[in-house]
Amino acid sequence: MELNERKKKILEVIIRDYINTAEPVGSRTLSKRCNLGISPATIRNEMADLEELGYLVQPHTSSGRIPTQQAYRYYVDEIMEIQKLEKMIRTDIHRGFLNHTTELGPTMSHTAQVLSQLTNYTAVVLAPRVTNFNCKHVQIVSLIKNRVLMVVVTQEGMAKNIEMTLSQEVNSILALKLSNVINGFLKNTILSEMSSELIDQIQELSEAESKLVHEIIPHLKKALMDDASEFHSTGLTNLFNYPEFSDVNKIKQLINVVQEKHVLSEMMTSNDGNRIIRIKIGSENDNENLKDFSIITSTYELDGEMMGAFGVIGPTRMNYDNVSSVLNYIRNELNLHISNLLMK
């Protein structure tokens, strides 16, 4: 239902006040802040109407009202406007990307830290999949007997560590030789086209060494073709600052979601009407563990193709204006930074 301007103004003031104080808002408070030139009695009548329409609830007898999830949704869709961040904040964000992020891995960590610091909520960043990039270097490290560690580094600074058990013991000298052979392949052959026939043509390999390369290559392909993306999250403890999370079990619910990376990845990258800023409030989240939270996300791109996503998770009493403004600016900075980093 469309609200008239007076009801809309009253609802806006209640939401903003409750976001700031976490205290129910009464008619006397509103009469001082609305500047509508109407009496507290008239404001009480308007609040009663808003309560009947499902926008407000009265948590205790003779108390003020607090917004419902329906109210937050109306506020986000009909009232809120994404504002331009202050120049000093924009400058700090821009310098941060320039000064501290020369590779993708650190870029993702830095983005999470900036989001958490600027919003005081929990930040989550979904890194690009390694399969999107070119493999630069592989190093095989001997561990114990036939157990080795393969370190895969892409041209863009992404890295993956894969432990594997091979059919025979590998010492440090053999590990170095295997690394050199595989890196030679990477310079001259597209990994997806690397075949058994090509491996068998390497004359300097013994039969036993050739067998090891045959065992290693599938692990390397799987590492680069894996759909799973790396997650960076920080700021879980920020939520203890909010009274609605005094119940530790609610934080535990969020921790469970953050640990279910495939669930979080699907939620952050799902199509939502092609909106730049995507806002899910409380029960709008499909995951039962997020019913007490709001999550605001956006995506970053390279040449029009989505590379990953980022966002914040906080209470439904979230400062939607500020968070949306922060995400909108960081999205532009991240798109520019990713382009400069990967296209150079």
Protein backbone atom coordinates (compact mmCIF):
# COMPACT_ATOMS: atom_id res chain seq x y z
CA MET A 1 0.00 0.00 0.00
CA GLU A 2 1.26 3.47 -0.91
CA LEU A 3 1.66 5.74 2.12
CA ASN A 4 0.81 9.43 2.09
CA GLU A 5 3.66 11.86 2.67
CA ARG A 6 2.90 12.34 6.36
CA LYS A 7 2.87 8.62 7.14
CA LYS A 8 5.99 8.15 5.03
CA LYS A 9 7.81 10.92 6.92
CA ILE A 10 6.77 9.52 10.31
CA LEU A 11 7.87 6.03 9.31
CA GLU A 12 11.21 7.35 8.06
CA VAL A 13 11.91 9.17 11.33
CA ILE A 14 10.98 6.09 13.39
CA ILE A 15 13.26 3.86 11.34
CA ARG A 16 16.21 6.25 11.47
CA ASP A 17 15.80 6.78 15.21
CA TYR A 18 15.48 3.08 15.95
CA ILE A 19 18.55 2.28 13.82
CA ASN A 20 20.55 4.75 15.90
CA THR A 21 19.23 3.93 19.37
CA ALA A 22 17.70 0.41 19.31
CA GLU A 23 14.99 1.92 21.55
CA PRO A 24 11.24 2.00 20.76
CA VAL A 25 10.14 5.40 19.42
CA GLY A 26 7.25 7.25 21.06
CA SER A 27 4.97 10.01 19.80
CA ARG A 28 6.62 12.66 21.98
CA THR A 29 10.02 11.94 20.40
CA LEU A 30 8.46 12.14 16.94
CA SER A 31 6.70 15.43 17.62
CA LYS A 32 10.10 16.98 18.37
CA ARG A 33 11.79 15.58 15.26
CA CYS A 34 9.23 15.44 12.46
CA ASN A 35 8.69 19.18 12.08
CA LEU A 36 5.27 18.45 10.58
CA GLY A 37 3.39 20.96 12.69
CA ILE A 38 1.01 18.32 14.06
CA SER A 39 0.17 17.37 17.63
CA PRO A 40 1.40 14.29 19.49
CA ALA A 41 -2.19 13.00 19.44
CA THR A 42 -2.28 13.16 15.64
CA ILE A 43 1.11 11.44 15.48
CA ARG A 44 -0.21 8.67 17.75
CA ASN A 45 -3.12 8.15 15.38
CA GLU A 46 -0.76 7.96 12.41
CA MET A 47 1.44 5.49 14.29
CA ALA A 48 -1.61 3.37 15.06
CA ASP A 49 -2.45 3.34 11.35
CA LEU A 50 1.11 2.30 10.48
CA GLU A 51 0.89 -0.46 13.08
CA GLU A 52 -2.38 -1.70 11.60
CA LEU A 53 -0.77 -1.71 8.14
CA GLY A 54 2.06 -3.91 9.42
CA TYR A 55 4.88 -1.34 9.43
CA LEU A 56 5.22 -0.95 13.20
CA VAL A 57 4.89 -3.11 16.28
CA GLN A 58 4.55 -2.17 19.94
CA PRO A 59 6.88 -4.48 21.88
CA HIS A 60 5.56 -3.53 25.33
CA THR A 61 2.40 -1.96 26.73
CA SER A 62 2.61 1.84 26.85
CA SER A 63 5.91 1.83 24.99
CA GLY A 64 6.86 3.32 21.68
CA ARG A 65 6.92 1.44 18.39
CA ILE A 66 9.66 -0.28 16.45
CA PRO A 67 9.82 -1.00 12.68
CA THR A 68 8.95 -4.38 11.22
CA GLN A 69 10.82 -6.10 8.40
CA GLN A 70 8.03 -4.86 6.14
CA ALA A 71 8.91 -1.32 7.20
CA TYR A 72 12.58 -1.80 6.40
CA ARG A 73 11.67 -3.17 2.97
CA TYR A 74 9.44 -0.15 2.28
CA TYR A 75 12.20 2.17 3.49
CA VAL A 76 14.80 0.53 1.23
CA ASP A 77 12.53 0.50 -1.83
CA GLU A 78 10.63 3.78 -1.48
CA ILE A 79 12.52 6.17 0.80
CA MET A 80 16.24 5.46 0.92
CA GLU A 81 18.62 7.10 -1.55
CA ILE A 82 22.24 6.06 -2.04
CA GLN A 83 24.31 9.08 -1.12
CA LYS A 84 27.80 10.01 -2.27
CA LEU A 85 30.42 9.24 0.36
CA GLU A 86 32.34 12.10 1.92
CA LYS A 87 35.42 13.08 -0.05
CA MET A 88 37.82 12.13 2.74
CA ILE A 89 36.37 8.60 2.94
CA ARG A 90 36.49 8.21 -0.86
CA THR A 91 40.12 9.33 -0.87
CA ASP A 92 41.07 6.89 1.90
CA ILE A 93 39.42 3.97 0.10
CA HIS A 94 41.12 4.86 -3.18
CA ARG A 95 44.56 5.20 -1.60
CA GLY A 96 44.08 1.93 0.24
CA PHE A 97 43.61 0.01 -2.99
CA LEU A 98 46.55 1.77 -4.62
CA ASN A 99 48.99 1.37 -1.74
CA HIS A 100 48.24 -2.04 -0.31
CA THR A 101 46.92 -4.31 -3.06
CA THR A 102 49.26 -5.32 -5.86
CA GLU A 103 47.88 -8.87 -6.11
CA LEU A 104 44.39 -10.36 -6.03
CA GLY A 105 44.75 -12.26 -2.76
CA PRO A 106 45.68 -9.18 -0.71
CA THR A 107 43.04 -7.19 -2.61
CA MET A 108 40.29 -9.50 -1.36
CA SER A 109 41.54 -9.36 2.24
CA HIS A 110 41.87 -5.58 2.09
CA THR A 111 38.33 -5.23 0.71
CA ALA A 112 36.91 -7.25 3.60
CA GLN A 113 38.81 -5.17 6.15
CA VAL A 114 37.67 -1.87 4.64
CA LEU A 115 34.03 -3.02 4.52
CA SER A 116 34.09 -4.13 8.14
CA GLN A 117 35.78 -0.94 9.36
CA LEU A 118 33.47 1.43 7.48
CA THR A 119 30.21 -0.33 8.38
CA ASN A 120 31.01 -1.96 11.74
CA TYR A 121 29.31 -5.14 10.52
CA THR A 122 30.59 -8.52 9.33
CA ALA A 123 32.19 -8.33 5.89
CA VAL A 124 32.37 -11.19 3.38
CA VAL A 125 34.24 -11.18 0.07
CA LEU A 126 34.02 -13.89 -2.59
CA ALA A 127 37.30 -14.05 -4.52
CA PRO A 128 37.45 -14.89 -8.24
CA ARG A 129 37.85 -18.55 -9.12
CA VAL A 130 41.41 -19.56 -9.91
CA THR A 131 40.15 -21.10 -13.15
CA ASN A 132 39.61 -17.57 -14.46
CA PHE A 133 43.35 -16.97 -14.57
CA ASN A 134 46.59 -18.03 -16.21
CA CYS A 135 48.86 -20.37 -14.30
CA LYS A 136 52.26 -18.77 -13.74
CA HIS A 137 54.23 -21.19 -11.61
CA VAL A 138 53.97 -24.56 -9.90
CA GLN A 139 56.25 -25.75 -7.13
CA ILE A 140 56.31 -29.28 -5.77
CA VAL A 141 57.51 -29.52 -2.16
CA SER A 142 58.55 -32.81 -0.58
CA LEU A 143 56.82 -33.45 2.74
CA ILE A 144 57.07 -36.96 4.19
CA LYS A 145 57.94 -39.99 2.04
CA ASN A 146 55.44 -40.03 -0.84
CA ARG A 147 53.45 -37.06 0.48
CA VAL A 148 53.98 -33.74 -1.38
CA LEU A 149 52.59 -30.22 -1.43
CA MET A 150 51.86 -28.52 -4.77
CA VAL A 151 51.81 -24.71 -4.70
CA VAL A 152 50.00 -23.20 -7.71
CA VAL A 153 50.45 -19.46 -8.40
CA THR A 154 48.56 -17.59 -11.14
CA GLN A 155 49.77 -14.61 -13.14
CA GLU A 156 47.46 -12.42 -11.06
CA GLY A 157 48.79 -13.45 -7.67
CA MET A 158 46.16 -16.00 -6.67
CA ALA A 159 47.57 -19.10 -4.99
CA LYS A 160 46.36 -22.58 -4.12
CA ASN A 161 48.01 -25.28 -2.02
CA ILE A 162 47.22 -28.92 -2.77
CA GLU A 163 48.51 -31.82 -0.74
CA MET A 164 48.65 -35.24 -2.42
CA THR A 165 49.94 -38.71 -1.89
CA LEU A 166 51.90 -40.17 -4.82
CA SER A 167 52.76 -43.77 -5.64
CA GLN A 168 56.42 -43.43 -4.68
CA GLU A 169 58.68 -41.45 -2.38
CA VAL A 170 59.69 -37.97 -3.52
CA ASN A 171 62.79 -36.26 -2.13
CA SER A 172 63.68 -32.59 -2.56
CA ILE A 173 65.80 -33.17 -5.67
CA LEU A 174 63.04 -35.11 -7.43
CA ALA A 175 60.46 -32.51 -6.32
CA LEU A 176 62.54 -29.77 -7.98
CA LYS A 177 62.84 -31.78 -11.21
CA LEU A 178 59.09 -32.42 -11.34
CA SER A 179 58.44 -28.73 -10.73
CA ASN A 180 60.74 -27.73 -13.61
CA VAL A 181 59.09 -30.20 -15.99
CA ILE A 182 55.57 -29.01 -15.16
CA ASN A 183 56.58 -25.33 -15.41
CA GLY A 184 58.09 -26.09 -18.81
CA PHE A 185 54.70 -27.42 -19.85
CA LEU A 186 52.97 -24.28 -18.61
CA LYS A 187 55.12 -22.08 -20.86
CA ASN A 188 54.40 -24.04 -24.02
CA THR A 189 51.09 -25.81 -23.56
CA ILE A 190 47.56 -24.88 -22.50
CA LEU A 191 46.94 -26.88 -19.35
CA SER A 192 43.56 -28.19 -20.51
CA GLU A 193 45.27 -29.63 -23.61
CA MET A 194 48.03 -31.39 -21.71
CA SER A 195 47.75 -35.07 -22.65
CA SER A 196 49.37 -38.35 -21.71
CA GLU A 197 51.07 -38.43 -25.10
CA LEU A 198 52.79 -35.10 -24.44
CA ILE A 199 54.01 -36.24 -21.05
CA ASP A 200 55.41 -39.45 -22.50
CA GLN A 201 57.43 -37.45 -25.05
CA ILE A 202 59.61 -35.86 -22.36
CA GLN A 203 62.86 -37.71 -22.91
CA GLU A 204 64.67 -36.58 -19.75
CA LEU A 205 62.09 -38.33 -17.56
CA SER A 206 62.53 -41.88 -16.41
CA GLU A 207 59.55 -44.20 -16.47
CA ALA A 208 59.03 -43.71 -12.74
CA GLU A 209 59.25 -39.91 -13.03
CA SER A 210 56.85 -39.89 -15.97
CA LYS A 211 54.40 -41.86 -13.85
CA LEU A 212 54.60 -39.21 -11.14
CA VAL A 213 53.87 -36.40 -13.61
CA HIS A 214 50.85 -38.39 -14.81
CA GLU A 215 49.65 -38.48 -11.20
CA ILE A 216 50.27 -34.79 -10.53
CA ILE A 217 48.67 -33.24 -13.64
CA PRO A 218 45.07 -34.28 -12.77
CA HIS A 219 45.47 -32.63 -9.36
CA LEU A 220 46.71 -29.46 -11.06
CA LYS A 221 43.82 -29.42 -13.53
CA LYS A 222 41.30 -29.98 -10.74
CA ALA A 223 42.78 -27.12 -8.72
CA LEU A 224 42.40 -24.72 -11.64
CA MET A 225 39.01 -25.95 -12.81
CA ASP A 226 37.47 -26.15 -9.36
CA ASP A 227 34.28 -24.05 -9.09
CA ALA A 228 34.92 -23.25 -5.43
CA SER A 229 36.04 -19.70 -4.72
CA GLU A 230 38.07 -18.49 -1.79
CA PHE A 231 36.22 -16.52 0.89
CA HIS A 232 37.54 -13.68 2.99
CA SER A 233 35.48 -12.67 6.02
CA THR A 234 36.14 -10.43 8.99
CA GLY A 235 34.25 -8.51 11.65
CA LEU A 236 32.14 -11.26 13.23
CA THR A 237 32.91 -9.79 16.65
CA ASN A 238 31.52 -6.42 15.51
CA LEU A 239 28.03 -7.83 15.95
CA PHE A 240 28.50 -8.17 19.71
CA ASN A 241 28.20 -4.36 19.78
CA TYR A 242 24.48 -4.65 18.93
CA PRO A 243 21.99 -5.51 21.71
CA GLU A 244 19.95 -7.82 19.46
CA PHE A 245 22.98 -10.14 19.34
CA SER A 246 23.48 -10.47 23.07
CA ASP A 247 22.25 -14.02 22.48
CA VAL A 248 25.44 -15.81 21.44
CA ASN A 249 23.42 -18.47 19.62
CA LYS A 250 22.53 -15.95 16.94
CA ILE A 251 26.22 -15.31 16.27
CA LYS A 252 26.77 -19.06 16.11
CA GLN A 253 24.09 -19.24 13.42
CA LEU A 254 25.98 -16.68 11.36
CA ILE A 255 29.25 -18.54 11.85
CA ASN A 256 27.55 -21.66 10.45
CA VAL A 257 26.54 -19.73 7.33
CA VAL A 258 30.02 -18.28 6.80
CA GLN A 259 31.48 -21.78 7.07
CA GLU A 260 29.04 -23.12 4.43
CA LYS A 261 30.93 -21.43 1.62
CA HIS A 262 28.92 -22.92 -1.24
CA VAL A 263 25.67 -21.66 0.34
CA LEU A 264 27.06 -18.18 0.89
CA SER A 265 28.53 -18.11 -2.62
CA GLU A 266 25.20 -19.00 -4.22
CA MET A 267 23.39 -16.43 -2.11
CA MET A 268 25.84 -13.63 -2.95
CA THR A 269 25.91 -14.26 -6.70
CA SER A 270 22.24 -15.05 -7.34
CA ASN A 271 20.48 -12.83 -9.87
CA ASP A 272 18.21 -10.28 -8.18
CA GLY A 273 16.76 -8.30 -11.03
CA ASN A 274 20.22 -7.09 -12.08
CA ARG A 275 20.35 -4.68 -9.15
CA ILE A 276 23.76 -3.23 -8.37
CA ILE A 277 23.08 -3.28 -4.63
CA ARG A 278 21.14 -6.32 -3.40
CA ILE A 279 19.42 -6.21 -0.03
CA LYS A 280 17.87 -9.19 1.75
CA ILE A 281 16.12 -8.42 5.03
CA GLY A 282 15.52 -11.00 7.74
CA SER A 283 13.01 -13.62 6.57
CA GLU A 284 13.69 -12.71 2.93
CA ASN A 285 16.85 -14.79 3.28
CA ASP A 286 16.30 -18.40 2.24
CA ASN A 287 18.78 -19.68 4.81
CA GLU A 288 17.12 -20.27 8.17
CA ASN A 289 20.28 -19.15 10.00
CA LEU A 290 19.97 -15.66 8.49
CA LYS A 291 16.39 -14.91 9.57
CA ASP A 292 17.65 -12.45 12.21
CA PHE A 293 20.10 -10.73 9.84
CA SER A 294 20.13 -8.45 6.85
CA ILE A 295 22.69 -8.94 4.10
CA ILE A 296 23.67 -6.33 1.54
CA THR A 297 25.83 -7.46 -1.38
CA SER A 298 27.17 -6.36 -4.72
CA THR A 299 29.37 -7.88 -7.41
CA TYR A 300 32.54 -6.82 -9.20
CA GLU A 301 33.29 -7.40 -12.87
CA LEU A 302 35.93 -7.57 -15.56
CA ASP A 303 34.91 -6.68 -19.12
CA GLY A 304 31.25 -7.13 -18.20
CA GLU A 305 31.75 -10.61 -16.71
CA MET A 306 31.06 -11.11 -13.02
CA MET A 307 34.24 -12.10 -11.20
CA GLY A 308 33.07 -12.27 -7.60
CA ALA A 309 30.94 -10.64 -4.91
CA PHE A 310 31.24 -8.80 -1.62
CA GLY A 311 28.96 -7.52 1.08
CA VAL A 312 28.14 -7.13 4.76
CA ILE A 313 25.92 -9.01 7.19
CA GLY A 314 24.36 -7.23 10.14
CA PRO A 315 21.13 -6.80 12.12
CA THR A 316 17.83 -6.01 10.40
CA ARG A 317 18.26 -2.70 12.25
CA MET A 318 21.00 -1.94 9.75
CA ASN A 319 22.11 1.46 8.55
CA TYR A 320 20.99 0.69 5.01
CA ASP A 321 21.83 4.15 3.66
CA ASN A 322 25.46 4.15 4.75
CA VAL A 323 26.12 0.51 3.85
CA SER A 324 24.66 0.93 0.37
CA SER A 325 26.76 4.03 -0.21
CA VAL A 326 29.93 2.23 0.93
CA LEU A 327 29.26 -0.82 -1.25
CA ASN A 328 28.44 1.31 -4.27
CA TYR A 329 31.73 3.22 -4.05
CA ILE A 330 33.85 0.17 -3.27
CA ARG A 331 32.27 -1.62 -6.23
CA ASN A 332 33.48 1.12 -8.58
CA GLU A 333 36.95 1.11 -7.01
CA LEU A 334 37.17 -2.68 -7.10
CA ASN A 335 36.11 -2.84 -10.76
CA LEU A 336 38.79 -0.29 -11.65
CA HIS A 337 41.45 -1.99 -9.53
CA ILE A 338 40.69 -5.49 -10.88
CA SER A 339 40.83 -4.15 -14.44
CA ASN A 340 44.20 -2.46 -13.87
CA LEU A 341 45.56 -5.52 -12.11
CA LEU A 342 44.48 -8.17 -14.63
CA MET A 343 44.83 -6.19 -17.83
CA LYS A 344 48.30 -4.81 -17.20
